PDB file of N, CA and C in Angstrom:
ATOM      1  N   MET A   1      13.978  -4.559 -29.752  1.00  0.00           N
ATOM      2  CA  MET A   1      13.435  -5.478 -30.027  1.00  0.00           C
ATOM      3  C   MET A   1      12.358  -5.294 -31.144  1.00  0.00           C
ATOM      4  N   GLY A   2      12.383  -4.473 -31.812  1.00  0.00           N
ATOM      5  CA  GLY A   2      11.619  -4.100 -32.559  1.00  0.00           C
ATOM      6  C   GLY A   2       9.911  -4.541 -32.604  1.00  0.00           C
ATOM      7  N   ASN A   3       9.663  -4.852 -33.319  1.00  0.00           N
ATOM      8  CA  ASN A   3       8.131  -5.606 -33.365  1.00  0.00           C
ATOM      9  C   ASN A   3       7.904  -6.649 -32.527  1.00  0.00           C
ATOM     10  N   GLN A   4       9.051  -7.128 -31.912  1.00  0.00           N
ATOM     11  CA  GLN A   4       8.506  -8.532 -30.951  1.00  0.00           C
ATOM     12  C   GLN A   4       7.856  -8.032 -29.848  1.00  0.00           C
ATOM     13  N   GLN A   5       7.015  -8.906 -29.492  1.00  0.00           N
ATOM     14  CA  GLN A   5       6.157  -8.903 -28.218  1.00  0.00           C
ATOM     15  C   GLN A   5       6.950  -9.322 -27.327  1.00  0.00           C
ATOM     16  N   ARG A   6       6.900  -9.001 -26.173  1.00  0.00           N
ATOM     17  CA  ARG A   6       7.532  -9.430 -24.581  1.00  0.00           C
ATOM     18  C   ARG A   6       6.584  -9.553 -23.496  1.00  0.00           C
ATOM     19  N   GLU A   7       7.224 -11.139 -23.207  1.00  0.00           N
ATOM     20  CA  GLU A   7       5.822 -11.851 -22.327  1.00  0.00           C
ATOM     21  C   GLU A   7       7.046 -12.019 -21.206  1.00  0.00           C
ATOM     22  N   LYS A   8       6.334 -11.735 -19.856  1.00  0.00           N
ATOM     23  CA  LYS A   8       6.844 -12.161 -18.436  1.00  0.00           C
ATOM     24  C   LYS A   8       6.093 -13.059 -17.725  1.00  0.00           C
ATOM     25  N   ILE A   9       6.588 -14.183 -17.382  1.00  0.00           N
ATOM     26  CA  ILE A   9       6.179 -15.554 -16.720  1.00  0.00           C
ATOM     27  C   ILE A   9       6.582 -15.217 -15.509  1.00  0.00           C
ATOM     28  N   PHE A  10       5.592 -15.465 -14.152  1.00  0.00           N
ATOM     29  CA  PHE A  10       6.279 -15.575 -12.873  1.00  0.00           C
ATOM     30  C   PHE A  10       5.628 -16.369 -12.399  1.00  0.00           C
ATOM     31  N   HIS A  11       6.294 -17.071 -11.280  1.00  0.00           N
ATOM     32  CA  HIS A  11       5.667 -18.072 -10.324  1.00  0.00           C
ATOM     33  C   HIS A  11       5.164 -17.763  -9.056  1.00  0.00           C
ATOM     34  N   LEU A  12       3.842 -17.791  -8.500  1.00  0.00           N
ATOM     35  CA  LEU A  12       3.671 -17.755  -6.997  1.00  0.00           C
ATOM     36  C   LEU A  12       3.977 -18.634  -6.104  1.00  0.00           C
ATOM     37  N   SER A  13       4.371 -17.825  -5.530  1.00  0.00           N
ATOM     38  CA  SER A  13       4.588 -19.050  -4.050  1.00  0.00           C
ATOM     39  C   SER A  13       3.415 -19.685  -3.283  1.00  0.00           C
ATOM     40  N   GLU A  14       2.672 -19.191  -3.299  1.00  0.00           N
ATOM     41  CA  GLU A  14       1.292 -19.806  -2.360  1.00  0.00           C
ATOM     42  C   GLU A  14      -0.005 -18.974  -3.386  1.00  0.00           C
ATOM     43  N   PHE A  15      -0.909 -19.733  -3.217  1.00  0.00           N
ATOM     44  CA  PHE A  15      -2.534 -19.242  -3.887  1.00  0.00           C
ATOM     45  C   PHE A  15      -2.823 -18.299  -3.914  1.00  0.00           C
ATOM     46  N   CYS A  16      -3.097 -17.650  -5.130  1.00  0.00           N
ATOM     47  CA  CYS A  16      -3.450 -16.222  -5.207  1.00  0.00           C
ATOM     48  C   CYS A  16      -4.909 -16.291  -5.950  1.00  0.00           C
ATOM     49  N   ALA A  17      -5.936 -15.665  -4.917  1.00  0.00           N
ATOM     50  CA  ALA A  17      -7.357 -15.674  -5.278  1.00  0.00           C
ATOM     51  C   ALA A  17      -7.637 -15.002  -6.645  1.00  0.00           C
ATOM     52  N   TRP A  18      -8.634 -15.335  -7.413  1.00  0.00           N
ATOM     53  CA  TRP A  18      -8.659 -14.638  -8.932  1.00  0.00           C
ATOM     54  C   TRP A  18      -9.201 -13.425  -8.663  1.00  0.00           C
ATOM     55  N   TYR A  19      -9.807 -12.771  -7.339  1.00  0.00           N
ATOM     56  CA  TYR A  19     -10.264 -11.475  -7.513  1.00  0.00           C
ATOM     57  C   TYR A  19      -9.309 -10.776  -6.755  1.00  0.00           C
ATOM     58  N   ILE A  20      -7.690 -11.301  -6.657  1.00  0.00           N
ATOM     59  CA  ILE A  20      -6.551 -10.575  -6.212  1.00  0.00           C
ATOM     60  C   ILE A  20      -5.928 -10.442  -7.375  1.00  0.00           C
ATOM     61  N   ALA A  21      -5.830 -11.001  -8.252  1.00  0.00           N
ATOM     62  CA  ALA A  21      -4.700 -11.011  -9.393  1.00  0.00           C
ATOM     63  C   ALA A  21      -5.296 -11.918 -10.658  1.00  0.00           C
ATOM     64  N   THR A  22      -6.069 -11.206 -11.639  1.00  0.00           N
ATOM     65  CA  THR A  22      -6.830 -11.922 -12.373  1.00  0.00           C
ATOM     66  C   THR A  22      -6.173 -11.363 -14.048  1.00  0.00           C
ATOM     67  N   PRO A  23      -5.886 -12.364 -14.763  1.00  0.00           N
ATOM     68  CA  PRO A  23      -4.820 -11.845 -16.149  1.00  0.00           C
ATOM     69  C   PRO A  23      -6.102 -10.873 -16.462  1.00  0.00           C
ATOM     70  N   LEU A  24      -5.519 -10.165 -17.544  1.00  0.00           N
ATOM     71  CA  LEU A  24      -6.265  -9.259 -18.402  1.00  0.00           C
ATOM     72  C   LEU A  24      -6.200  -9.604 -19.862  1.00  0.00           C
ATOM     73  N   ALA A  25      -6.985  -9.433 -20.829  1.00  0.00           N
ATOM     74  CA  ALA A  25      -7.041  -9.451 -21.809  1.00  0.00           C
ATOM     75  C   ALA A  25      -6.143  -8.105 -22.600  1.00  0.00           C
ATOM     76  N   ILE A  26      -5.557  -8.573 -23.275  1.00  0.00           N
ATOM     77  CA  ILE A  26      -4.612  -7.166 -23.916  1.00  0.00           C
ATOM     78  C   ILE A  26      -6.054  -6.244 -24.457  1.00  0.00           C
ATOM     79  N   TYR A  27      -5.683  -4.781 -23.922  1.00  0.00           N
ATOM     80  CA  TYR A  27      -6.332  -3.731 -24.226  1.00  0.00           C
ATOM     81  C   TYR A  27      -6.603  -3.396 -25.951  1.00  0.00           C
ATOM     82  N   SER A  28      -7.848  -3.309 -26.449  1.00  0.00           N
ATOM     83  CA  SER A  28      -7.888  -3.116 -27.857  1.00  0.00           C
ATOM     84  C   SER A  28      -8.433  -1.825 -28.139  1.00  0.00           C
ATOM     85  N   GLY A  29      -8.594  -0.858 -27.330  1.00  0.00           N
ATOM     86  CA  GLY A  29      -8.776   0.590 -27.854  1.00  0.00           C
ATOM     87  C   GLY A  29      -7.451   1.254 -27.964  1.00  0.00           C
ATOM     88  N   ASN A  30      -7.781   2.578 -27.894  1.00  0.00           N
ATOM     89  CA  ASN A  30      -6.831   3.464 -28.329  1.00  0.00           C
ATOM     90  C   ASN A  30      -6.100   3.674 -27.209  1.00  0.00           C
ATOM     91  N   VAL A  31      -5.155   4.065 -26.750  1.00  0.00           N
ATOM     92  CA  VAL A  31      -4.512   4.762 -25.529  1.00  0.00           C
ATOM     93  C   VAL A  31      -4.444   6.201 -25.996  1.00  0.00           C
ATOM     94  N   ALA A  32      -4.817   7.025 -25.102  1.00  0.00           N
ATOM     95  CA  ALA A  32      -4.950   8.478 -25.368  1.00  0.00           C
ATOM     96  C   ALA A  32      -4.188   9.314 -24.292  1.00  0.00           C
ATOM     97  N   ASP A  33      -3.959  10.692 -24.893  1.00  0.00           N
ATOM     98  CA  ASP A  33      -3.336  11.601 -23.700  1.00  0.00           C
ATOM     99  C   ASP A  33      -4.575  11.910 -22.495  1.00  0.00           C
ATOM    100  N   GLY A  34      -3.673  11.671 -21.534  1.00  0.00           N
ATOM    101  CA  GLY A  34      -4.726  11.996 -20.259  1.00  0.00           C
ATOM    102  C   GLY A  34      -4.979  10.767 -19.195  1.00  0.00           C
ATOM    103  N   MET A  35      -5.318   9.654 -20.457  1.00  0.00           N
ATOM    104  CA  MET A  35      -5.560   8.196 -19.447  1.00  0.00           C
ATOM    105  C   MET A  35      -4.441   7.975 -18.185  1.00  0.00           C
ATOM    106  N   ASP A  36      -5.432   7.609 -17.391  1.00  0.00           N
ATOM    107  CA  ASP A  36      -4.078   6.984 -16.406  1.00  0.00           C
ATOM    108  C   ASP A  36      -3.986   5.527 -16.951  1.00  0.00           C
ATOM    109  N   LEU A  37      -2.612   5.167 -16.493  1.00  0.00           N
ATOM    110  CA  LEU A  37      -1.864   4.171 -17.179  1.00  0.00           C
ATOM    111  C   LEU A  37      -1.307   3.140 -15.977  1.00  0.00           C
ATOM    112  N   VAL A  38      -1.504   2.438 -15.281  1.00  0.00           N
ATOM    113  CA  VAL A  38      -1.341   1.644 -13.584  1.00  0.00           C
ATOM    114  C   VAL A  38      -0.270   0.409 -14.017  1.00  0.00           C
ATOM    115  N   VAL A  39       1.006   0.747 -13.831  1.00  0.00           N
ATOM    116  CA  VAL A  39       2.270  -0.317 -14.249  1.00  0.00           C
ATOM    117  C   VAL A  39       2.551  -0.942 -13.135  1.00  0.00           C
ATOM    118  N   ALA A  40       2.531  -2.301 -13.377  1.00  0.00           N
ATOM    119  CA  ALA A  40       3.201  -3.456 -12.388  1.00  0.00           C
ATOM    120  C   ALA A  40       4.620  -3.754 -12.680  1.00  0.00           C
ATOM    121  N   GLY A  41       5.245  -3.865 -11.175  1.00  0.00           N
ATOM    122  CA  GLY A  41       6.466  -4.227 -11.808  1.00  0.00           C
ATOM    123  C   GLY A  41       7.177  -4.417 -10.405  1.00  0.00           C
ATOM    124  N   TRP A  42       8.539  -5.249 -10.292  1.00  0.00           N
ATOM    125  CA  TRP A  42       9.456  -5.188  -9.549  1.00  0.00           C
ATOM    126  C   TRP A  42      10.523  -4.448  -9.352  1.00  0.00           C
ATOM    127  N   GLY A  43      10.696  -3.821 -10.491  1.00  0.00           N
ATOM    128  CA  GLY A  43      11.592  -2.879 -10.615  1.00  0.00           C
ATOM    129  C   GLY A  43      12.216  -1.746  -9.245  1.00  0.00           C
ATOM    130  N   TYR A  44      13.250  -1.052  -9.709  1.00  0.00           N
ATOM    131  CA  TYR A  44      14.046  -0.265  -9.256  1.00  0.00           C
ATOM    132  C   TYR A  44      12.806   1.017  -8.395  1.00  0.00           C
ATOM    133  N   ALA A  45      13.013   0.767  -6.637  1.00  0.00           N
ATOM    134  CA  ALA A  45      12.050   1.418  -6.209  1.00  0.00           C
ATOM    135  C   ALA A  45      12.962   3.267  -6.120  1.00  0.00           C
ATOM    136  N   SER A  46      13.756   3.611  -6.737  1.00  0.00           N
ATOM    137  CA  SER A  46      14.296   4.661  -6.670  1.00  0.00           C
ATOM    138  C   SER A  46      15.189   4.757  -7.609  1.00  0.00           C
ATOM    139  N   THR A  47      15.826   6.250  -7.819  1.00  0.00           N
ATOM    140  CA  THR A  47      16.717   6.901  -8.883  1.00  0.00           C
ATOM    141  C   THR A  47      18.460   6.687  -8.043  1.00  0.00           C
ATOM    142  N   GLU A  48      18.153   6.625  -6.501  1.00  0.00           N
ATOM    143  CA  GLU A  48      19.066   6.478  -5.794  1.00  0.00           C
ATOM    144  C   GLU A  48      20.070   5.285  -6.351  1.00  0.00           C
ATOM    145  N   PRO A  49      21.312   5.299  -6.030  1.00  0.00           N
ATOM    146  CA  PRO A  49      22.112   4.027  -6.382  1.00  0.00           C
ATOM    147  C   PRO A  49      21.748   3.067  -5.195  1.00  0.00           C
ATOM    148  N   THR A  50      21.383   3.561  -3.981  1.00  0.00           N
ATOM    149  CA  THR A  50      20.954   2.716  -2.828  1.00  0.00           C
ATOM    150  C   THR A  50      19.529   2.171  -3.046  1.00  0.00           C
ATOM    151  N   GLY A  51      18.789   2.677  -4.044  1.00  0.00           N
ATOM    152  CA  GLY A  51      17.439   2.385  -4.265  1.00  0.00           C
ATOM    153  C   GLY A  51      17.331   1.085  -4.088  1.00  0.00           C
ATOM    154  N   GLY A  52      17.767   0.229  -5.027  1.00  0.00           N
ATOM    155  CA  GLY A  52      17.296  -1.401  -5.122  1.00  0.00           C
ATOM    156  C   GLY A  52      16.241  -1.578  -5.595  1.00  0.00           C
ATOM    157  N   SER A  53      16.331  -2.850  -6.054  1.00  0.00           N
ATOM    158  CA  SER A  53      15.126  -3.507  -6.574  1.00  0.00           C
ATOM    159  C   SER A  53      14.009  -4.118  -5.356  1.00  0.00           C
ATOM    160  N   ARG A  54      12.878  -4.213  -5.787  1.00  0.00           N
ATOM    161  CA  ARG A  54      11.815  -4.645  -4.899  1.00  0.00           C
ATOM    162  C   ARG A  54      11.640  -6.145  -4.781  1.00  0.00           C
ATOM    163  N   ASN A  55      11.332  -6.404  -3.385  1.00  0.00           N
ATOM    164  CA  ASN A  55      10.995  -7.701  -3.478  1.00  0.00           C
ATOM    165  C   ASN A  55       9.321  -7.994  -3.492  1.00  0.00           C
ATOM    166  N   GLU A  56       8.934  -6.886  -3.677  1.00  0.00           N
ATOM    167  CA  GLU A  56       7.176  -7.142  -3.674  1.00  0.00           C
ATOM    168  C   GLU A  56       6.588  -6.495  -4.598  1.00  0.00           C
ATOM    169  N   LEU A  57       5.783  -7.115  -5.630  1.00  0.00           N
ATOM    170  CA  LEU A  57       5.171  -6.499  -6.736  1.00  0.00           C
ATOM    171  C   LEU A  57       4.605  -4.832  -6.316  1.00  0.00           C
ATOM    172  N   SER A  58       4.868  -4.154  -6.838  1.00  0.00           N
ATOM    173  CA  SER A  58       4.300  -2.434  -6.816  1.00  0.00           C
ATOM    174  C   SER A  58       3.666  -2.112  -8.096  1.00  0.00           C
ATOM    175  N   THR A  59       3.047  -1.010  -7.864  1.00  0.00           N
ATOM    176  CA  THR A  59       2.599  -0.251  -8.743  1.00  0.00           C
ATOM    177  C   THR A  59       2.885   1.219  -9.002  1.00  0.00           C
ATOM    178  N   ILE A  60       2.610   1.754 -10.190  1.00  0.00           N
ATOM    179  CA  ILE A  60       2.910   3.336 -10.082  1.00  0.00           C
ATOM    180  C   ILE A  60       1.645   3.508 -11.439  1.00  0.00           C
ATOM    181  N   THR A  61       1.355   4.792 -11.497  1.00  0.00           N
ATOM    182  CA  THR A  61       0.316   5.589 -12.349  1.00  0.00           C
ATOM    183  C   THR A  61       0.758   6.261 -13.085  1.00  0.00           C
ATOM    184  N   LEU A  62       1.229   6.092 -14.501  1.00  0.00           N
ATOM    185  CA  LEU A  62       1.725   7.063 -15.347  1.00  0.00           C
ATOM    186  C   LEU A  62       0.569   7.723 -16.473  1.00  0.00           C
ATOM    187  N   LEU A  63       1.360   8.487 -17.405  1.00  0.00           N
ATOM    188  CA  LEU A  63       0.185   9.294 -17.734  1.00  0.00           C
ATOM    189  C   LEU A  63       0.532   8.993 -19.570  1.00  0.00           C
ATOM    190  N   PRO A  64       0.142   8.452 -20.444  1.00  0.00           N
ATOM    191  CA  PRO A  64       0.618   8.445 -22.016  1.00  0.00           C
ATOM    192  C   PRO A  64       0.643   9.891 -22.421  1.00  0.00           C
ATOM    193  N   SER A  65       1.743  10.225 -23.334  1.00  0.00           N
ATOM    194  CA  SER A  65       2.070  11.318 -23.911  1.00  0.00           C
ATOM    195  C   SER A  65       2.202  11.052 -25.855  1.00  0.00           C
ATOM    196  N   SER A  66       1.601  11.950 -26.527  1.00  0.00           N
ATOM    197  CA  SER A  66       1.920  12.060 -28.041  1.00  0.00           C
ATOM    198  C   SER A  66       2.736  12.841 -28.393  1.00  0.00           C
ATOM    199  N   SER A  67       3.750  13.018 -27.179  1.00  0.00           N
ATOM    200  CA  SER A  67       4.767  14.505 -27.652  1.00  0.00           C
ATOM    201  C   SER A  67       5.460  14.220 -28.271  1.00  0.00           C
ATOM    202  N   SER A  68       6.158  15.354 -29.398  1.00  0.00           N
ATOM    203  CA  SER A  68       7.238  14.957 -30.086  1.00  0.00           C
ATOM    204  C   SER A  68       8.109  14.838 -29.625  1.00  0.00           C
ATOM    205  N   ASP A  69       8.480  14.791 -28.560  1.00  0.00           N
ATOM    206  CA  ASP A  69       9.640  14.357 -27.447  1.00  0.00           C
ATOM    207  C   ASP A  69       9.936  12.652 -27.803  1.00  0.00           C
ATOM    208  N   CYS A  70       8.566  12.119 -27.586  1.00  0.00           N
ATOM    209  CA  CYS A  70       8.503  10.445 -27.694  1.00  0.00           C
ATOM    210  C   CYS A  70       9.499  10.201 -29.110  1.00  0.00           C
ATOM    211  N   LYS A  71       8.534  10.758 -30.065  1.00  0.00           N
ATOM    212  CA  LYS A  71       9.356  10.220 -31.393  1.00  0.00           C
ATOM    213  C   LYS A  71      10.996  10.618 -31.239  1.00  0.00           C
ATOM    214  N   GLU A  72      11.086  11.757 -30.679  1.00  0.00           N
ATOM    215  CA  GLU A  72      13.067  12.304 -30.935  1.00  0.00           C
ATOM    216  C   GLU A  72      13.706  11.532 -29.785  1.00  0.00           C
ATOM    217  N   LEU A  73      13.054  10.886 -28.893  1.00  0.00           N
ATOM    218  CA  LEU A  73      14.207  10.036 -27.906  1.00  0.00           C
ATOM    219  C   LEU A  73      13.767   8.682 -28.548  1.00  0.00           C
ATOM    220  N   TYR A  74      12.674   8.204 -29.097  1.00  0.00           N
ATOM    221  CA  TYR A  74      12.473   6.641 -29.460  1.00  0.00           C
ATOM    222  C   TYR A  74      11.980   6.589 -30.583  1.00  0.00           C
ATOM    223  N   PRO A  75      13.026   6.585 -31.895  1.00  0.00           N
ATOM    224  CA  PRO A  75      12.466   6.816 -32.798  1.00  0.00           C
ATOM    225  C   PRO A  75      11.542   5.602 -33.535  1.00  0.00           C
ATOM    226  N   PHE A  76      11.728   4.491 -33.108  1.00  0.00           N
ATOM    227  CA  PHE A  76      10.884   3.243 -33.356  1.00  0.00           C
ATOM    228  C   PHE A  76       9.339   3.809 -32.965  1.00  0.00           C
ATOM    229  N   TRP A  77       9.291   4.694 -31.953  1.00  0.00           N
ATOM    230  CA  TRP A  77       7.716   4.648 -31.525  1.00  0.00           C
ATOM    231  C   TRP A  77       7.008   5.612 -32.323  1.00  0.00           C
ATOM    232  N   SER A  78       5.949   5.180 -33.017  1.00  0.00           N
ATOM    233  CA  SER A  78       4.979   6.122 -33.987  1.00  0.00           C
ATOM    234  C   SER A  78       4.023   6.863 -33.146  1.00  0.00           C
ATOM    235  N   ASP A  79       2.932   5.924 -32.273  1.00  0.00           N
ATOM    236  CA  ASP A  79       1.910   6.168 -31.524  1.00  0.00           C
ATOM    237  C   ASP A  79       1.533   5.128 -30.384  1.00  0.00           C
ATOM    238  N   ASN A  80       0.885   5.952 -29.788  1.00  0.00           N
ATOM    239  CA  ASN A  80       0.672   4.928 -28.395  1.00  0.00           C
ATOM    240  C   ASN A  80      -0.685   3.767 -28.739  1.00  0.00           C
ATOM    241  N   SER A  81      -0.831   3.536 -29.919  1.00  0.00           N
ATOM    242  CA  SER A  81      -2.054   2.697 -30.068  1.00  0.00           C
ATOM    243  C   SER A  81      -0.981   1.321 -30.772  1.00  0.00           C
ATOM    244  N   LYS A  82       0.003   1.297 -30.443  1.00  0.00           N
ATOM    245  CA  LYS A  82       0.481  -0.107 -31.309  1.00  0.00           C
ATOM    246  C   LYS A  82       1.346  -1.018 -29.682  1.00  0.00           C
ATOM    247  N   ASN A  83       2.856  -1.283 -29.997  1.00  0.00           N
ATOM    248  CA  ASN A  83       3.341  -1.982 -29.016  1.00  0.00           C
ATOM    249  C   ASN A  83       3.870  -1.350 -27.894  1.00  0.00           C
ATOM    250  N   VAL A  84       4.229   0.209 -28.385  1.00  0.00           N
ATOM    251  CA  VAL A  84       5.235   0.852 -27.175  1.00  0.00           C
ATOM    252  C   VAL A  84       4.050   1.910 -26.999  1.00  0.00           C
ATOM    253  N   VAL A  85       3.974   2.230 -25.572  1.00  0.00           N
ATOM    254  CA  VAL A  85       3.525   3.196 -25.148  1.00  0.00           C
ATOM    255  C   VAL A  85       4.518   4.326 -24.617  1.00  0.00           C
ATOM    256  N   CYS A  86       4.463   5.632 -24.932  1.00  0.00           N
ATOM    257  CA  CYS A  86       5.102   6.625 -24.699  1.00  0.00           C
ATOM    258  C   CYS A  86       4.426   7.600 -23.427  1.00  0.00           C
ATOM    259  N   THR A  87       5.328   7.137 -22.107  1.00  0.00           N
ATOM    260  CA  THR A  87       4.950   7.929 -20.874  1.00  0.00           C
ATOM    261  C   THR A  87       5.573   9.006 -20.402  1.00  0.00           C
ATOM    262  N   LEU A  88       4.615   9.800 -19.562  1.00  0.00           N
ATOM    263  CA  LEU A  88       5.360  10.897 -18.816  1.00  0.00           C
ATOM    264  C   LEU A  88       5.806  10.869 -17.543  1.00  0.00           C
ATOM    265  N   ILE A  89       6.501  11.590 -16.892  1.00  0.00           N
ATOM    266  CA  ILE A  89       6.487  11.694 -15.339  1.00  0.00           C
ATOM    267  C   ILE A  89       5.261  12.035 -14.792  1.00  0.00           C
ATOM    268  N   LYS A  90       4.941  11.045 -13.588  1.00  0.00           N
ATOM    269  CA  LYS A  90       3.911  11.680 -13.285  1.00  0.00           C
ATOM    270  C   LYS A  90       4.064  11.524 -11.299  1.00  0.00           C
ATOM    271  N   ASP A  91       3.952  12.642 -11.015  1.00  0.00           N
ATOM    272  CA  ASP A  91       4.233  12.787  -9.272  1.00  0.00           C
ATOM    273  C   ASP A  91       5.679  12.349  -8.921  1.00  0.00           C
ATOM    274  N   GLY A  92       6.349  12.623  -9.890  1.00  0.00           N
ATOM    275  CA  GLY A  92       7.936  12.502 -10.036  1.00  0.00           C
ATOM    276  C   GLY A  92       8.124  10.701 -10.051  1.00  0.00           C
ATOM    277  N   LYS A  93       7.184  10.197 -10.669  1.00  0.00           N
ATOM    278  CA  LYS A  93       7.529   8.684 -10.760  1.00  0.00           C
ATOM    279  C   LYS A  93       7.497   8.291 -12.154  1.00  0.00           C
ATOM    280  N   CYS A  94       8.330   7.499 -12.666  1.00  0.00           N
ATOM    281  CA  CYS A  94       8.412   6.825 -14.331  1.00  0.00           C
ATOM    282  C   CYS A  94       9.032   5.456 -14.399  1.00  0.00           C
ATOM    283  N   LEU A  95       8.955   4.920 -15.572  1.00  0.00           N
ATOM    284  CA  LEU A  95       9.772   3.753 -15.339  1.00  0.00           C
ATOM    285  C   LEU A  95      11.140   3.876 -15.948  1.00  0.00           C
ATOM    286  N   ASP A  96      12.015   3.305 -15.622  1.00  0.00           N
ATOM    287  CA  ASP A  96      13.375   3.471 -16.153  1.00  0.00           C
ATOM    288  C   ASP A  96      13.527   2.291 -17.323  1.00  0.00           C
ATOM    289  N   ILE A  97      14.744   2.296 -18.188  1.00  0.00           N
ATOM    290  CA  ILE A  97      14.915   2.067 -19.392  1.00  0.00           C
ATOM    291  C   ILE A  97      14.809   0.925 -19.336  1.00  0.00           C
ATOM    292  N   VAL A  98      15.419  -0.008 -17.888  1.00  0.00           N
ATOM    293  CA  VAL A  98      15.476  -1.263 -17.976  1.00  0.00           C
ATOM    294  C   VAL A  98      14.212  -1.971 -17.329  1.00  0.00           C
ATOM    295  N   ASN A  99      13.362  -0.755 -17.065  1.00  0.00           N
ATOM    296  CA  ASN A  99      11.931  -1.575 -16.407  1.00  0.00           C
ATOM    297  C   ASN A  99      10.853  -1.665 -17.572  1.00  0.00           C
ATOM    298  N   GLY A 100      11.429  -1.407 -18.746  1.00  0.00           N
ATOM    299  CA  GLY A 100      10.372  -1.211 -20.174  1.00  0.00           C
ATOM    300  C   GLY A 100       9.859  -2.622 -20.257  1.00  0.00           C
ATOM    301  N   GLY A 101       8.712  -2.841 -20.537  1.00  0.00           N
ATOM    302  CA  GLY A 101       7.854  -4.278 -21.011  1.00  0.00           C
ATOM    303  C   GLY A 101       7.298  -4.586 -19.498  1.00  0.00           C
ATOM    304  N   ASN A 102       7.001  -3.799 -18.593  1.00  0.00           N
ATOM    305  CA  ASN A 102       6.122  -4.434 -17.864  1.00  0.00           C
ATOM    306  C   ASN A 102       5.023  -4.335 -18.137  1.00  0.00           C
ATOM    307  N   PRO A 103       3.741  -4.694 -17.528  1.00  0.00           N
ATOM    308  CA  PRO A 103       2.492  -4.971 -17.823  1.00  0.00           C
ATOM    309  C   PRO A 103       2.003  -3.844 -17.342  1.00  0.00           C
ATOM    310  N   LEU A 104       1.087  -3.509 -18.257  1.00  0.00           N
ATOM    311  CA  LEU A 104      -0.218  -2.138 -18.125  1.00  0.00           C
ATOM    312  C   LEU A 104      -1.092  -3.019 -17.174  1.00  0.00           C
ATOM    313  N   VAL A 105      -1.905  -2.785 -15.981  1.00  0.00           N
ATOM    314  CA  VAL A 105      -2.840  -3.491 -15.198  1.00  0.00           C
ATOM    315  C   VAL A 105      -4.082  -2.545 -15.429  1.00  0.00           C
TER     316      VAL A 105
END
């Protein structure tokens, strides 16, 4: 997708109070190694073929990385202060390539 920004829109089936789910401004600071990043989504719950996708919103905590592995695996990535954040596996959890674009919360 190059430099295009991805947006996701979802519809809540019932009222949700502002203190439960409040839209956030885009983070304007620099993402640094060692920060905890919380990612939300309905993605796959497991790497197992029977893991399937979730019917409820879940979150995982990831760590950003500026490792040379990021540039090698994702040539379009330059650093974590632009449109793409490279993350490490933390506690055995990571984003799958099909889950890319999920919001940081």
